[in-house]
Amino acid sequence: MRAFLNLGHTLGHAIEAEYGYGAITHGDAIAIGMQFALYVSEKQLGLSLNRLELKRVDERARFPGQCHKRYFHENIC
């Protein structure tokens, strides 16, 4: 269970740290990290992890599925 809950947290925490805590919500940062983790798994490892379904869930919850312009920073996204 812990591994599932940690999905996306590595990049998500990097996004939060780069912008300064509070500039982007924890949930938004983790949502971006989750999409990134699934993307890398598909592209690098050939795994099919249903990234599009996660994107639909994120959209319904109003989480970003990728870095939005307001969060864009050359060091991250």
Protein backbone atom coordinates (compact mmCIF):
# COMPACT_ATOMS: atom_id res chain seq x y z
CA MET A 1 0.00 0.00 0.00
CA ARG A 2 2.79 2.43 0.86
CA ALA A 3 4.42 2.03 -2.57
CA PHE A 4 1.11 2.90 -4.22
CA LEU A 5 0.66 5.98 -2.05
CA ASN A 6 4.22 7.12 -2.81
CA LEU A 7 3.61 7.11 -6.59
CA GLY A 8 4.58 10.50 -7.95
CA HIS A 9 5.92 11.87 -4.69
CA THR A 10 9.57 12.10 -5.73
CA LEU A 11 8.92 14.51 -8.59
CA GLY A 12 6.01 16.08 -6.72
CA HIS A 13 8.23 17.03 -3.80
CA ALA A 14 10.86 18.36 -6.21
CA ILE A 15 8.22 20.58 -7.82
CA GLU A 16 7.09 21.85 -4.42
CA ALA A 17 10.67 22.55 -3.34
CA GLU A 18 11.57 24.35 -6.57
CA TYR A 19 8.58 26.67 -6.41
CA GLY A 20 8.57 27.09 -2.67
CA TYR A 21 6.02 25.38 -0.48
CA GLY A 22 2.64 27.02 -0.93
CA ALA A 23 3.23 28.23 -4.50
CA ILE A 24 1.74 24.98 -5.81
CA THR A 25 -0.53 22.72 -3.82
CA HIS A 26 0.78 19.37 -2.65
CA GLY A 27 -2.03 17.64 -4.52
CA ASP A 28 -1.25 19.40 -7.80
CA ALA A 29 2.45 18.62 -7.50
CA ILE A 30 1.79 14.95 -6.74
CA ALA A 31 -0.74 14.67 -9.60
CA ILE A 32 1.93 15.92 -12.01
CA GLY A 33 4.44 13.51 -10.48
CA MET A 34 2.04 10.59 -10.88
CA GLN A 35 1.47 11.34 -14.55
CA PHE A 36 5.22 11.63 -15.05
CA ALA A 37 5.91 8.32 -13.27
CA LEU A 38 3.39 6.49 -15.46
CA TYR A 39 4.72 8.18 -18.61
CA VAL A 40 8.30 7.12 -17.84
CA SER A 41 7.15 3.59 -17.01
CA GLU A 42 5.39 3.35 -20.37
CA LYS A 43 8.17 4.87 -22.45
CA GLN A 44 11.23 3.40 -20.75
CA LEU A 45 9.95 0.05 -19.53
CA GLY A 46 7.16 -0.63 -22.02
CA LEU A 47 4.60 -1.02 -19.24
CA SER A 48 0.95 -0.30 -19.91
CA LEU A 49 -0.29 1.44 -16.78
CA ASN A 50 -3.39 3.19 -18.13
CA ARG A 51 -2.04 6.72 -17.90
CA LEU A 52 -5.07 8.04 -19.80
CA GLU A 53 -7.42 6.74 -17.10
CA LEU A 54 -5.39 8.55 -14.44
CA LYS A 55 -5.57 11.69 -16.58
CA ARG A 56 -9.39 11.42 -16.68
CA VAL A 57 -9.50 10.98 -12.90
CA ASP A 58 -7.18 13.98 -12.46
CA GLU A 59 -9.35 16.09 -14.75
CA ARG A 60 -12.51 15.19 -12.81
CA ALA A 61 -10.74 16.13 -9.57
CA ARG A 62 -9.36 19.28 -11.25
CA PHE A 63 -5.76 18.20 -10.74
CA PRO A 64 -3.29 19.11 -13.47
CA GLY A 65 -2.27 16.23 -15.71
CA GLN A 66 0.90 17.99 -16.74
CA CYS A 67 2.76 21.14 -15.87
CA HIS A 68 0.49 24.10 -16.43
CA LYS A 69 1.91 27.41 -17.62
CA ARG A 70 1.54 28.87 -14.17
CA TYR A 71 3.79 26.13 -12.80
CA PHE A 72 6.24 25.99 -15.68
CA HIS A 73 9.86 26.30 -14.75
CA GLU A 74 12.78 25.35 -16.95
CA ASN A 75 14.33 23.28 -14.16
CA ILE A 76 11.37 20.94 -13.82
CA CYS A 77 8.75 20.75 -16.57
